[in-house]
C-alpha cells in the first residue's frame, strides 16, 4: 500500500518547515539525544522518538513547527483514510544528496509490537523545487513517486522500496523530507 497527496501543507507552514530543515542541516552535529547517520552511501538523518503521541522531544530537537505537521498527518490518516489508533514512533529529518544511494529494502516493520502490515511510514518532501528530470524517485515494485515539494507520501513498511539516483548537478541541494514511522490497529 502506498499513496501520496500534493500540496499537503499550507504555504506558510511548508516555508517554515523548509527553512528549519535548511538551518538544521549540519553534517557534524554534536552527539546528544539525536541520532545522526552520516556515511557516504547513506542519507543524513536527524532523528528523535515519540511516546504516546507526545511530540515534545521532536519540538525541542527538530523545531517547534514539527508537532503541528505530525498532528496534521495523523488527522489526515485518521479522517481521510480511516486509520485506527495511529501512533507515531520515530520522527526525523532526512537529507539525501546526489552522491548517496538507497538500494532496495523494507523498513523495519515492527513498531509498538504491531505486525508489519500494521506499520507504515509517512513523509513530506521539504525541498524548494524538484524538476521531473532530477531523478530521486521513490520506487516500489508497482510504480514510483517523484519527490515533488510539499508532497505527502505514505507507504506500508512491508513494501519493498528504493530511491533512484539523483540526476541534477545542483551543488549543496538535497532531497529533503520530514519522516514519521507509525503504527495502527488496521491491517493493510
Foldseek 3Di string as FASTA:
>chain_A
DKDKDALLDPPVLLVVLLVLLVVLDDQVDDDDQWDFDDDQAAWTKTKHFDDPLDCVVVCVRRHVSVSVVVVSVVCCCCPVVVFAPKDWTMKMKTWADLRYWWDKDFAPQQDPNDDQQQKKKKKAWRFDADDPQQFFWKDFPVGTHGLGHRMMMMDRRRTIITTTGGDDDDPPGTGMIIMTMIGTPDGD
